[in-house]
């Protein structure tokens, strides 16, 4: 496979904030916009390159208060989930396009659902990875919640000194296996995220690494009951080994979106594994 050209990270103004972006592929190709969850690095390089080789212009970006995007105070965010969805729609226009295939992973998948529901004219297709149809907080009775044994194991680990690069990387690696992820991939990603963090404030590092901002933003009103409105082709990707948002969450998404196809990856936990890049890219290109 020929490796597509990738430019360095830059930022672009959209919806009143600066969003850190990185693009891969030819700008003349159809746009695939990938929402970070919370940083753009939740979308593996290998997947972006596969999509670009398949004839797509791939732009992945950092959510607010992460990466190269506007960072103010992640412990007291002055925006809500609808604002993050509006960021995605505005970014399409700022990139000079009218429509895009939108992808979201983890909490970024919640942003993507809301963006597609609130701005259906802007998105031609949707990919939702390792996410669920309700916001952080109390779960609906029919959806499986976080695996309690895994959560107990994770919370038994003391948090690292977020300003210590090696400690953060080791923490990510130690947390990976309980979450069904590859420790070395997790270590490498955490190191890259640390290197891209714009401040040495521990709260900012923590927000970049584990997305704590989503426990603090307003995610109301509910959107699950609106999923039947989505008419664009939709791919739901979920790991069978995901203990954080167990598989029933992806199954519910696929069942409630009329146009959805469910792709279950047996060896995937919460993170997209590099080894699945070809399979996921092929499924996305078919949407």
Protein backbone atom coordinates (compact mmCIF):
# COMPACT_ATOMS: atom_id res chain seq x y z
CA UNK A 1 0.00 0.00 0.00
CA UNK A 2 1.37 3.40 -0.98
CA UNK A 3 1.51 5.67 2.05
CA UNK A 4 -0.58 8.81 1.43
CA UNK A 5 0.79 12.25 2.05
CA UNK A 6 -0.04 13.65 5.50
CA UNK A 7 0.43 17.28 6.54
CA UNK A 8 1.37 18.28 10.04
CA UNK A 9 -1.12 19.29 12.68
CA UNK A 10 -2.56 22.76 12.29
CA UNK A 11 -5.66 24.54 13.56
CA UNK A 12 -8.73 25.96 11.87
CA UNK A 13 -11.38 28.36 13.15
CA UNK A 14 -14.89 26.91 13.31
CA UNK A 15 -17.93 27.78 15.44
CA UNK A 16 -15.94 30.40 17.32
CA UNK A 17 -13.11 28.12 18.47
CA UNK A 18 -9.80 26.88 17.10
CA UNK A 19 -9.84 23.14 16.36
CA UNK A 20 -6.61 21.18 15.94
CA UNK A 21 -6.71 19.12 12.76
CA UNK A 22 -4.54 16.78 10.74
CA UNK A 23 -5.33 15.76 7.18
CA UNK A 24 -4.34 12.77 5.10
CA UNK A 25 -4.94 12.17 1.40
CA UNK A 26 -5.99 14.38 -1.53
CA UNK A 27 -8.13 17.44 -0.85
CA UNK A 28 -9.99 16.77 -4.10
CA UNK A 29 -11.40 13.49 -2.70
CA UNK A 30 -14.62 13.16 -0.65
CA UNK A 31 -14.17 14.25 2.97
CA UNK A 32 -14.14 11.89 5.94
CA UNK A 33 -14.19 13.90 9.18
CA UNK A 34 -13.11 12.02 12.31
CA UNK A 35 -14.10 13.35 15.74
CA UNK A 36 -11.49 12.81 18.42
CA UNK A 37 -12.48 10.95 21.53
CA UNK A 38 -11.14 13.23 23.00
CA UNK A 39 -7.99 13.74 20.90
CA UNK A 40 -7.61 12.90 17.23
CA UNK A 41 -5.18 10.09 18.11
CA UNK A 42 -8.07 7.81 19.03
CA UNK A 43 -8.19 7.29 15.24
CA UNK A 44 -5.08 5.22 14.38
CA UNK A 45 -2.70 6.40 11.68
CA UNK A 46 -3.10 3.09 9.88
CA UNK A 47 -6.85 3.55 9.52
CA UNK A 48 -6.49 7.12 8.25
CA UNK A 49 -3.95 5.96 5.69
CA UNK A 50 -6.20 3.12 4.50
CA UNK A 51 -9.09 5.52 4.03
CA UNK A 52 -6.89 7.96 2.12
CA UNK A 53 -5.62 5.15 -0.11
CA UNK A 54 -9.26 4.33 -0.79
CA UNK A 55 -9.86 7.78 -2.25
CA UNK A 56 -10.90 9.86 0.75
CA UNK A 57 -9.59 13.11 2.17
CA UNK A 58 -9.31 12.29 5.87
CA UNK A 59 -9.37 15.03 8.49
CA UNK A 60 -9.19 14.04 12.14
CA UNK A 61 -9.52 16.65 14.86
CA UNK A 62 -9.25 17.28 18.59
CA UNK A 63 -12.32 18.15 20.63
CA UNK A 64 -12.25 21.38 22.63
CA UNK A 65 -9.97 21.29 25.68
CA UNK A 66 -7.71 18.67 24.09
CA UNK A 67 -4.74 18.45 21.76
CA UNK A 68 -4.23 21.48 19.56
CA UNK A 69 -7.79 22.76 19.97
CA UNK A 70 -8.88 25.71 22.10
CA UNK A 71 -8.10 24.83 25.71
CA UNK A 72 -9.43 27.04 28.49
CA UNK A 73 -10.46 25.20 31.65
CA UNK A 74 -11.35 21.51 31.18
CA UNK A 75 -12.48 21.31 34.81
CA UNK A 76 -15.12 24.00 34.16
CA UNK A 77 -16.11 23.75 30.48
CA UNK A 78 -18.26 26.58 29.19
CA UNK A 79 -19.95 24.54 26.45
CA UNK A 80 -22.25 21.56 26.09
CA UNK A 81 -22.63 18.47 23.91
CA UNK A 82 -24.69 20.39 21.33
CA UNK A 83 -21.84 22.90 20.95
CA UNK A 84 -19.43 20.04 20.20
CA UNK A 85 -21.83 18.71 17.57
CA UNK A 86 -22.07 22.19 16.06
CA UNK A 87 -18.25 22.31 15.95
CA UNK A 88 -18.24 19.24 13.68
CA UNK A 89 -20.80 20.73 11.31
CA UNK A 90 -19.02 24.10 11.20
CA UNK A 91 -15.68 22.41 10.56
CA UNK A 92 -17.05 20.84 7.38
CA UNK A 93 -17.85 24.31 6.06
CA UNK A 94 -14.53 25.73 7.25
CA UNK A 95 -12.80 22.99 5.23
CA UNK A 96 -14.65 24.21 2.13
CA UNK A 97 -17.10 21.33 1.87
CA UNK A 98 -20.85 21.01 2.00
CA UNK A 99 -21.00 17.41 3.23
CA UNK A 100 -18.79 14.79 4.86
CA UNK A 101 -18.75 11.23 6.16
CA UNK A 102 -18.57 11.74 9.94
CA UNK A 103 -16.87 9.32 12.32
CA UNK A 104 -16.86 9.34 16.12
CA UNK A 105 -15.17 7.00 18.60
CA UNK A 106 -16.01 6.61 22.30
CA UNK A 107 -17.31 9.91 23.67
CA UNK A 108 -16.62 11.32 20.19
CA UNK A 109 -19.29 8.90 19.00
CA UNK A 110 -21.79 10.72 21.19
CA UNK A 111 -20.72 14.00 19.57
CA UNK A 112 -21.11 12.42 16.13
CA UNK A 113 -24.64 11.16 16.88
CA UNK A 114 -25.78 14.59 18.05
CA UNK A 115 -24.04 16.34 15.13
CA UNK A 116 -25.75 14.05 12.60
CA UNK A 117 -29.16 14.51 14.25
CA UNK A 118 -28.86 18.30 14.58
CA UNK A 119 -27.20 18.88 11.18
CA UNK A 120 -28.37 16.05 8.87
CA UNK A 121 -27.81 18.15 5.75
CA UNK A 122 -24.07 18.28 6.50
CA UNK A 123 -23.30 14.58 6.80
CA UNK A 124 -23.57 11.97 4.05
CA UNK A 125 -22.60 8.93 6.16
CA UNK A 126 -21.88 8.08 9.79
CA UNK A 127 -19.43 5.75 11.57
CA UNK A 128 -19.84 5.14 15.29
CA UNK A 129 -17.08 3.23 17.09
CA UNK A 130 -17.19 1.88 20.65
CA UNK A 131 -19.92 4.22 21.84
CA UNK A 132 -23.49 4.19 23.13
CA UNK A 133 -26.79 6.02 22.53
CA UNK A 134 -26.90 7.85 25.88
CA UNK A 135 -24.66 10.35 27.60
CA UNK A 136 -22.20 9.69 30.43
CA UNK A 137 -24.04 9.09 33.67
CA UNK A 138 -26.94 6.79 34.59
CA UNK A 139 -27.51 4.09 31.97
CA UNK A 140 -30.86 3.06 30.47
CA UNK A 141 -32.16 -0.18 31.97
CA UNK A 142 -31.91 -2.09 28.67
CA UNK A 143 -28.25 -1.15 28.09
CA UNK A 144 -25.28 -2.91 29.70
CA UNK A 145 -23.25 -0.65 31.98
CA UNK A 146 -19.50 -0.65 32.63
CA UNK A 147 -18.17 -4.02 33.79
CA UNK A 148 -17.93 -3.54 37.60
CA UNK A 149 -14.97 -5.88 38.05
CA UNK A 150 -12.98 -4.05 35.39
CA UNK A 151 -13.91 -0.66 36.83
CA UNK A 152 -12.81 -1.80 40.31
CA UNK A 153 -9.48 -2.98 38.87
CA UNK A 154 -8.93 0.29 37.04
CA UNK A 155 -9.80 2.51 39.97
CA UNK A 156 -7.47 0.52 42.19
CA UNK A 157 -4.56 1.96 40.21
CA UNK A 158 -3.35 5.28 41.63
CA UNK A 159 -3.46 8.11 39.11
CA UNK A 160 -0.07 9.15 37.75
CA UNK A 161 1.66 12.47 38.01
CA UNK A 162 0.11 13.87 34.82
CA UNK A 163 3.16 16.08 34.22
CA UNK A 164 5.47 13.03 34.15
CA UNK A 165 5.58 11.68 30.59
CA UNK A 166 6.92 8.23 31.50
CA UNK A 167 4.47 7.82 34.39
CA UNK A 168 1.53 8.69 32.14
CA UNK A 169 2.68 6.21 29.47
CA UNK A 170 3.09 3.47 32.08
CA UNK A 171 -0.36 4.20 33.52
CA UNK A 172 -1.90 3.91 30.05
CA UNK A 173 -0.15 0.61 29.39
CA UNK A 174 -1.22 -0.83 32.76
CA UNK A 175 -4.84 0.22 32.15
CA UNK A 176 -4.97 -1.20 28.62
CA UNK A 177 -5.30 -4.92 29.21
CA UNK A 178 -8.38 -4.69 31.51
CA UNK A 179 -10.01 -2.56 28.81
CA UNK A 180 -9.30 -5.17 26.13
CA UNK A 181 -6.58 -3.09 24.49
CA UNK A 182 -2.96 -3.61 23.42
CA UNK A 183 -0.66 -2.23 26.15
CA UNK A 184 2.09 -1.21 23.74
CA UNK A 185 -0.32 0.59 21.41
CA UNK A 186 -1.82 2.32 24.46
CA UNK A 187 1.64 3.33 25.71
CA UNK A 188 2.63 4.75 22.33
CA UNK A 189 -0.62 6.68 21.95
CA UNK A 190 -0.45 8.10 25.47
CA UNK A 191 3.10 9.31 24.82
CA UNK A 192 2.05 11.03 21.60
CA UNK A 193 -0.93 12.63 23.35
CA UNK A 194 1.35 13.88 26.15
CA UNK A 195 3.76 15.35 23.62
CA UNK A 196 0.92 17.21 21.86
CA UNK A 197 -0.61 18.64 25.04
CA UNK A 198 -0.33 22.41 24.94
CA UNK A 199 0.03 23.02 28.69
CA UNK A 200 1.89 21.46 31.59
CA UNK A 201 -1.17 21.92 33.81
CA UNK A 202 -2.02 18.49 35.32
CA UNK A 203 -5.75 19.06 34.70
CA UNK A 204 -5.10 19.65 31.00
CA UNK A 205 -2.95 16.53 30.71
CA UNK A 206 -5.62 14.47 32.47
CA UNK A 207 -8.31 15.84 30.16
CA UNK A 208 -6.22 14.89 27.12
CA UNK A 209 -5.51 11.39 28.37
CA UNK A 210 -8.85 10.24 29.79
CA UNK A 211 -11.49 12.73 28.66
CA UNK A 212 -12.76 13.71 32.11
CA UNK A 213 -14.40 16.79 30.60
CA UNK A 214 -17.34 14.60 29.54
CA UNK A 215 -18.28 14.07 33.17
CA UNK A 216 -18.66 17.83 33.50
CA UNK A 217 -20.42 19.08 30.35
CA UNK A 218 -24.19 19.31 29.92
CA UNK A 219 -25.34 16.47 27.64
CA UNK A 220 -29.09 17.22 27.84
CA UNK A 221 -31.51 16.72 26.21
CA UNK A 222 -31.48 13.00 25.43
CA UNK A 223 -31.07 12.01 21.80
CA UNK A 224 -31.61 8.22 21.83
CA UNK A 225 -35.29 8.57 20.99
CA UNK A 226 -34.34 10.51 17.82
CA UNK A 227 -32.00 7.90 16.33
CA UNK A 228 -34.75 6.67 14.01
CA UNK A 229 -34.54 10.03 12.21
CA UNK A 230 -31.08 9.22 10.83
CA UNK A 231 -31.27 8.43 7.13
CA UNK A 232 -27.61 8.46 6.14
CA UNK A 233 -25.73 5.14 5.72
CA UNK A 234 -24.32 4.25 9.13
CA UNK A 235 -21.62 1.84 10.29
CA UNK A 236 -21.54 0.80 13.94
CA UNK A 237 -18.20 -0.76 14.99
CA UNK A 238 -17.95 -2.38 18.39
CA UNK A 239 -15.50 -4.61 20.21
CA UNK A 240 -16.74 -7.86 21.67
CA UNK A 241 -14.16 -7.41 24.45
CA UNK A 242 -15.24 -3.85 25.37
CA UNK A 243 -15.90 -3.72 29.15
CA UNK A 244 -16.52 0.04 29.29
CA UNK A 245 -19.36 0.24 26.77
CA UNK A 246 -20.20 -3.48 26.44
CA UNK A 247 -21.39 -4.84 23.11
CA UNK A 248 -25.10 -4.41 23.88
CA UNK A 249 -24.60 -0.66 23.47
CA UNK A 250 -23.42 -1.06 19.89
CA UNK A 251 -26.19 -3.55 19.20
CA UNK A 252 -28.76 -1.03 20.45
CA UNK A 253 -27.33 1.70 18.23
CA UNK A 254 -27.44 -0.53 15.17
CA UNK A 255 -31.00 -1.62 15.96
CA UNK A 256 -32.31 1.91 16.40
CA UNK A 257 -30.68 3.54 13.35
CA UNK A 258 -32.65 2.32 10.31
CA UNK A 259 -29.71 2.39 7.90
CA UNK A 260 -27.09 0.90 10.24
CA UNK A 261 -24.78 -2.04 9.72
CA UNK A 262 -23.10 -3.57 12.80
CA UNK A 263 -19.48 -4.71 12.57
CA UNK A 264 -18.35 -6.62 15.67
CA UNK A 265 -14.60 -7.08 16.13
CA UNK A 266 -13.84 -10.08 18.34
CA UNK A 267 -10.40 -8.86 19.47
CA UNK A 268 -11.31 -5.22 20.08
CA UNK A 269 -11.82 -3.61 23.48
CA UNK A 270 -12.40 0.11 23.89
CA UNK A 271 -9.77 1.25 21.36
CA UNK A 272 -9.52 0.70 17.63
CA UNK A 273 -6.60 -1.73 17.19
CA UNK A 274 -4.06 -1.11 14.46
CA UNK A 275 -4.61 -4.68 13.27
CA UNK A 276 -8.25 -3.88 12.40
CA UNK A 277 -7.42 -0.87 10.19
CA UNK A 278 -7.93 -2.64 6.87
CA UNK A 279 -11.24 -4.24 7.89
CA UNK A 280 -12.70 -1.06 9.38
CA UNK A 281 -11.52 1.10 6.48
CA UNK A 282 -13.12 -1.26 3.95
CA UNK A 283 -16.42 -1.13 5.85
CA UNK A 284 -16.29 2.67 6.04
CA UNK A 285 -15.49 3.03 2.35
CA UNK A 286 -18.56 0.95 1.56
CA UNK A 287 -20.88 3.38 3.33
